[in-house]
Amino acid sequence: MRIKILLVLLGVILISCNTNSSAERKIKKTVTSFLDAVERDKPNECVNLIHDGSGSYGGIHMDVSFLYKHYKKINSEVDLKKNIKVKDTIYVGAKMKYVQYRIKNSNPNYLQKPLIITFIFYDQVGYDKIFNSSFLDNNMLNWE
């Protein structure tokens, strides 16, 4: 009887660990695909990676255009594809996962305001879609 209980517990733990690593792999793949599309200046591919992206089509294009324009500068500060760290959060009352980058501006006038890029993922939508369509903080103009 004890062996059966231990086997069931071990099975539950393994499934739980596999689910978490699977979610993390999907999130990392989605973020990498998004960054690849930014590098190639393909905003429509970015729109397709965002849940309900067609509803924020213009805003997403503006943010992707900004990231494309400053990608080399941003990537020189933080290697975006190699520094994908998936974290847990509670957003709008639900458990979600996110990837966030904080990039300091090398312009001495704007050192206090880093550029913040945040991708939020929700299990109900799937980890192959970014849940938030507004992924840039509002201090983009300080980077111009």
C-alpha atoms as a PDB file:
ATOM      1  CA  MET A   1       0.000   0.000   0.000  1.00  0.00           C
ATOM      2  CA  ARG A   2       2.808   2.412   0.887  1.00  0.00           C
ATOM      3  CA  ILE A   3       4.540   1.705  -2.384  1.00  0.00           C
ATOM      4  CA  LYS A   4       1.403   2.573  -4.349  1.00  0.00           C
ATOM      5  CA  ILE A   5       1.002   5.856  -2.482  1.00  0.00           C
ATOM      6  CA  LEU A   6       4.667   6.725  -3.049  1.00  0.00           C
ATOM      7  CA  LEU A   7       4.362   5.899  -6.747  1.00  0.00           C
ATOM      8  CA  VAL A   8       1.277   8.091  -7.082  1.00  0.00           C
ATOM      9  CA  LEU A   9       3.013  10.981  -5.274  1.00  0.00           C
ATOM     10  CA  LEU A  10       6.114  10.562  -7.417  1.00  0.00           C
ATOM     11  CA  GLY A  11       3.960  10.556 -10.554  1.00  0.00           C
ATOM     12  CA  VAL A  12       2.166  13.748  -9.498  1.00  0.00           C
ATOM     13  CA  ILE A  13       5.485  15.462  -8.731  1.00  0.00           C
ATOM     14  CA  LEU A  14       6.978  14.425 -12.071  1.00  0.00           C
ATOM     15  CA  ILE A  15       3.923  15.596 -14.000  1.00  0.00           C
ATOM     16  CA  SER A  16       3.959  18.901 -12.121  1.00  0.00           C
ATOM     17  CA  CYS A  17       7.659  19.468 -12.806  1.00  0.00           C
ATOM     18  CA  ASN A  18       7.248  18.499 -16.460  1.00  0.00           C
ATOM     19  CA  THR A  19       4.302  20.905 -16.843  1.00  0.00           C
ATOM     20  CA  ASN A  20       6.318  23.803 -15.380  1.00  0.00           C
ATOM     21  CA  SER A  21       9.323  23.132 -17.587  1.00  0.00           C
ATOM     22  CA  SER A  22       7.046  22.704 -20.602  1.00  0.00           C
ATOM     23  CA  ALA A  23       5.396  26.070 -19.897  1.00  0.00           C
ATOM     24  CA  GLU A  24       8.798  27.701 -19.507  1.00  0.00           C
ATOM     25  CA  ARG A  25      10.010  26.216 -22.812  1.00  0.00           C
ATOM     26  CA  LYS A  26       6.912  27.501 -24.618  1.00  0.00           C
ATOM     27  CA  ILE A  27       7.313  30.975 -23.111  1.00  0.00           C
ATOM     28  CA  LYS A  28      10.995  31.136 -24.058  1.00  0.00           C
ATOM     29  CA  LYS A  29      10.160  30.002 -27.604  1.00  0.00           C
ATOM     30  CA  THR A  30       7.425  32.660 -27.896  1.00  0.00           C
ATOM     31  CA  VAL A  31       9.689  35.453 -26.618  1.00  0.00           C
ATOM     32  CA  THR A  32      12.487  34.334 -28.944  1.00  0.00           C
ATOM     33  CA  SER A  33      10.070  34.286 -31.908  1.00  0.00           C
ATOM     34  CA  PHE A  34       8.875  37.764 -30.982  1.00  0.00           C
ATOM     35  CA  LEU A  35      12.447  39.106 -30.742  1.00  0.00           C
ATOM     36  CA  ASP A  36      13.349  37.436 -34.055  1.00  0.00           C
ATOM     37  CA  ALA A  37      10.400  39.210 -35.682  1.00  0.00           C
ATOM     38  CA  VAL A  38      11.530  42.523 -34.163  1.00  0.00           C
ATOM     39  CA  GLU A  39      15.055  41.995 -35.512  1.00  0.00           C
ATOM     40  CA  ARG A  40      13.667  41.387 -39.013  1.00  0.00           C
ATOM     41  CA  ASP A  41      11.215  44.323 -38.693  1.00  0.00           C
ATOM     42  CA  LYS A  42       8.167  42.083 -39.125  1.00  0.00           C
ATOM     43  CA  PRO A  43       5.478  43.721 -36.947  1.00  0.00           C
ATOM     44  CA  ASN A  44       2.700  41.511 -38.359  1.00  0.00           C
ATOM     45  CA  GLU A  45       4.480  38.431 -36.997  1.00  0.00           C
ATOM     46  CA  CYS A  46       4.593  40.162 -33.600  1.00  0.00           C
ATOM     47  CA  VAL A  47       0.866  40.913 -33.804  1.00  0.00           C
ATOM     48  CA  ASN A  48       0.232  37.203 -34.434  1.00  0.00           C
ATOM     49  CA  LEU A  49       2.160  36.289 -31.270  1.00  0.00           C
ATOM     50  CA  ILE A  50      -0.059  38.493 -29.088  1.00  0.00           C
ATOM     51  CA  HIS A  51      -3.417  37.318 -27.798  1.00  0.00           C
ATOM     52  CA  ASP A  52      -6.080  39.474 -29.464  1.00  0.00           C
ATOM     53  CA  GLY A  53      -3.288  41.422 -31.187  1.00  0.00           C
ATOM     54  CA  SER A  54      -5.567  42.606 -33.952  1.00  0.00           C
ATOM     55  CA  GLY A  55      -7.432  44.751 -31.408  1.00  0.00           C
ATOM     56  CA  SER A  56      -4.261  46.744 -30.695  1.00  0.00           C
ATOM     57  CA  TYR A  57      -2.767  46.587 -34.176  1.00  0.00           C
ATOM     58  CA  GLY A  58      -1.558  50.219 -34.316  1.00  0.00           C
ATOM     59  CA  GLY A  59      -0.073  50.257 -30.821  1.00  0.00           C
ATOM     60  CA  ILE A  60       1.773  46.998 -31.394  1.00  0.00           C
ATOM     61  CA  HIS A  61       3.193  48.284 -34.688  1.00  0.00           C
ATOM     62  CA  MET A  62       4.373  51.463 -32.945  1.00  0.00           C
ATOM     63  CA  ASP A  63       6.063  49.498 -30.133  1.00  0.00           C
ATOM     64  CA  VAL A  64       7.673  47.021 -32.546  1.00  0.00           C
ATOM     65  CA  SER A  65       8.908  49.894 -34.711  1.00  0.00           C
ATOM     66  CA  PHE A  66      10.486  51.502 -31.655  1.00  0.00           C
ATOM     67  CA  LEU A  67      12.145  48.231 -30.621  1.00  0.00           C
ATOM     68  CA  TYR A  68      13.429  47.648 -34.154  1.00  0.00           C
ATOM     69  CA  LYS A  69      14.889  51.140 -34.286  1.00  0.00           C
ATOM     70  CA  HIS A  70      16.708  50.697 -30.952  1.00  0.00           C
ATOM     71  CA  TYR A  71      17.287  46.933 -31.019  1.00  0.00           C
ATOM     72  CA  LYS A  72      21.068  47.070 -31.372  1.00  0.00           C
ATOM     73  CA  LYS A  73      21.392  49.571 -28.531  1.00  0.00           C
ATOM     74  CA  ILE A  74      19.003  47.623 -26.290  1.00  0.00           C
ATOM     75  CA  ASN A  75      20.588  44.276 -27.105  1.00  0.00           C
ATOM     76  CA  SER A  76      24.069  45.642 -26.392  1.00  0.00           C
ATOM     77  CA  GLU A  77      22.917  46.446 -22.842  1.00  0.00           C
ATOM     78  CA  VAL A  78      21.111  43.135 -22.268  1.00  0.00           C
ATOM     79  CA  ASP A  79      21.333  40.137 -24.596  1.00  0.00           C
ATOM     80  CA  LEU A  80      17.575  39.742 -24.822  1.00  0.00           C
ATOM     81  CA  LYS A  81      17.432  36.192 -26.189  1.00  0.00           C
ATOM     82  CA  LYS A  82      19.944  34.803 -23.709  1.00  0.00           C
ATOM     83  CA  ASN A  83      18.401  36.501 -20.670  1.00  0.00           C
ATOM     84  CA  ILE A  84      14.862  35.159 -20.806  1.00  0.00           C
ATOM     85  CA  LYS A  85      13.873  34.583 -17.183  1.00  0.00           C
ATOM     86  CA  VAL A  86      10.342  33.352 -16.597  1.00  0.00           C
ATOM     87  CA  LYS A  87       8.789  34.447 -13.307  1.00  0.00           C
ATOM     88  CA  ASP A  88       5.412  33.980 -11.618  1.00  0.00           C
ATOM     89  CA  THR A  89       3.055  36.835 -10.782  1.00  0.00           C
ATOM     90  CA  ILE A  90      -0.541  37.628  -9.986  1.00  0.00           C
ATOM     91  CA  TYR A  91      -1.993  39.988 -12.569  1.00  0.00           C
ATOM     92  CA  VAL A  92      -5.637  41.063 -12.553  1.00  0.00           C
ATOM     93  CA  GLY A  93      -6.337  38.503  -9.828  1.00  0.00           C
ATOM     94  CA  ALA A  94      -5.034  35.479 -11.742  1.00  0.00           C
ATOM     95  CA  LYS A  95      -1.773  33.550 -11.584  1.00  0.00           C
ATOM     96  CA  MET A  96       0.335  34.328 -14.618  1.00  0.00           C
ATOM     97  CA  LYS A  97       3.929  34.164 -15.781  1.00  0.00           C
ATOM     98  CA  TYR A  98       6.024  36.962 -17.189  1.00  0.00           C
ATOM     99  CA  VAL A  99       9.365  37.858 -18.741  1.00  0.00           C
ATOM    100  CA  GLN A 100      10.674  41.338 -18.016  1.00  0.00           C
ATOM    101  CA  TYR A 101      13.683  43.348 -19.115  1.00  0.00           C
ATOM    102  CA  ARG A 102      14.909  46.587 -17.544  1.00  0.00           C
ATOM    103  CA  ILE A 103      17.350  48.386 -19.823  1.00  0.00           C
ATOM    104  CA  LYS A 104      19.175  51.440 -18.572  1.00  0.00           C
ATOM    105  CA  ASN A 105      19.585  54.257 -21.047  1.00  0.00           C
ATOM    106  CA  SER A 106      23.201  55.205 -21.675  1.00  0.00           C
ATOM    107  CA  ASN A 107      22.138  58.820 -22.240  1.00  0.00           C
ATOM    108  CA  PRO A 108      23.225  60.641 -19.031  1.00  0.00           C
ATOM    109  CA  ASN A 109      20.056  62.785 -19.019  1.00  0.00           C
ATOM    110  CA  TYR A 110      17.806  59.729 -18.655  1.00  0.00           C
ATOM    111  CA  LEU A 111      19.703  57.352 -16.376  1.00  0.00           C
ATOM    112  CA  GLN A 112      16.892  57.325 -13.821  1.00  0.00           C
ATOM    113  CA  LYS A 113      14.334  55.945 -16.288  1.00  0.00           C
ATOM    114  CA  PRO A 114      15.070  52.483 -17.659  1.00  0.00           C
ATOM    115  CA  LEU A 115      13.152  51.072 -20.570  1.00  0.00           C
ATOM    116  CA  ILE A 116      10.930  48.285 -19.273  1.00  0.00           C
ATOM    117  CA  ILE A 117       9.738  45.514 -21.581  1.00  0.00           C
ATOM    118  CA  THR A 118       7.256  43.078 -20.040  1.00  0.00           C
ATOM    119  CA  PHE A 119       5.667  40.057 -21.678  1.00  0.00           C
ATOM    120  CA  ILE A 120       2.837  38.496 -19.650  1.00  0.00           C
ATOM    121  CA  PHE A 121       1.611  34.939 -20.272  1.00  0.00           C
ATOM    122  CA  TYR A 122      -1.657  33.417 -19.107  1.00  0.00           C
ATOM    123  CA  ASP A 123      -2.249  29.686 -18.995  1.00  0.00           C
ATOM    124  CA  GLN A 124      -5.866  30.061 -20.188  1.00  0.00           C
ATOM    125  CA  VAL A 125      -4.673  31.769 -23.393  1.00  0.00           C
ATOM    126  CA  GLY A 126      -1.706  29.451 -23.874  1.00  0.00           C
ATOM    127  CA  TYR A 127       1.970  30.078 -23.406  1.00  0.00           C
ATOM    128  CA  ASP A 128       2.449  30.482 -27.151  1.00  0.00           C
ATOM    129  CA  LYS A 129       0.667  33.870 -27.030  1.00  0.00           C
ATOM    130  CA  ILE A 130       1.672  37.026 -25.171  1.00  0.00           C
ATOM    131  CA  PHE A 131      -1.276  38.108 -23.038  1.00  0.00           C
ATOM    132  CA  ASN A 132      -0.587  41.855 -22.858  1.00  0.00           C
ATOM    133  CA  SER A 133      -0.608  43.935 -26.034  1.00  0.00           C
ATOM    134  CA  SER A 134       1.129  46.859 -24.327  1.00  0.00           C
ATOM    135  CA  PHE A 135       4.535  45.408 -23.532  1.00  0.00           C
ATOM    136  CA  LEU A 136       6.599  48.619 -23.369  1.00  0.00           C
ATOM    137  CA  ASP A 137       6.622  51.024 -20.455  1.00  0.00           C
ATOM    138  CA  ASN A 138       5.523  54.569 -21.257  1.00  0.00           C
ATOM    139  CA  ASN A 139       9.016  56.106 -21.174  1.00  0.00           C
ATOM    140  CA  MET A 140       9.813  55.348 -24.829  1.00  0.00           C
ATOM    141  CA  LEU A 141      10.225  59.027 -25.696  1.00  0.00           C
ATOM    142  CA  ASN A 142      13.163  59.296 -23.305  1.00  0.00           C
ATOM    143  CA  TRP A 143      15.048  56.918 -25.601  1.00  0.00           C
ATOM    144  CA  GLU A 144      14.690  59.026 -28.736  1.00  0.00           C
END
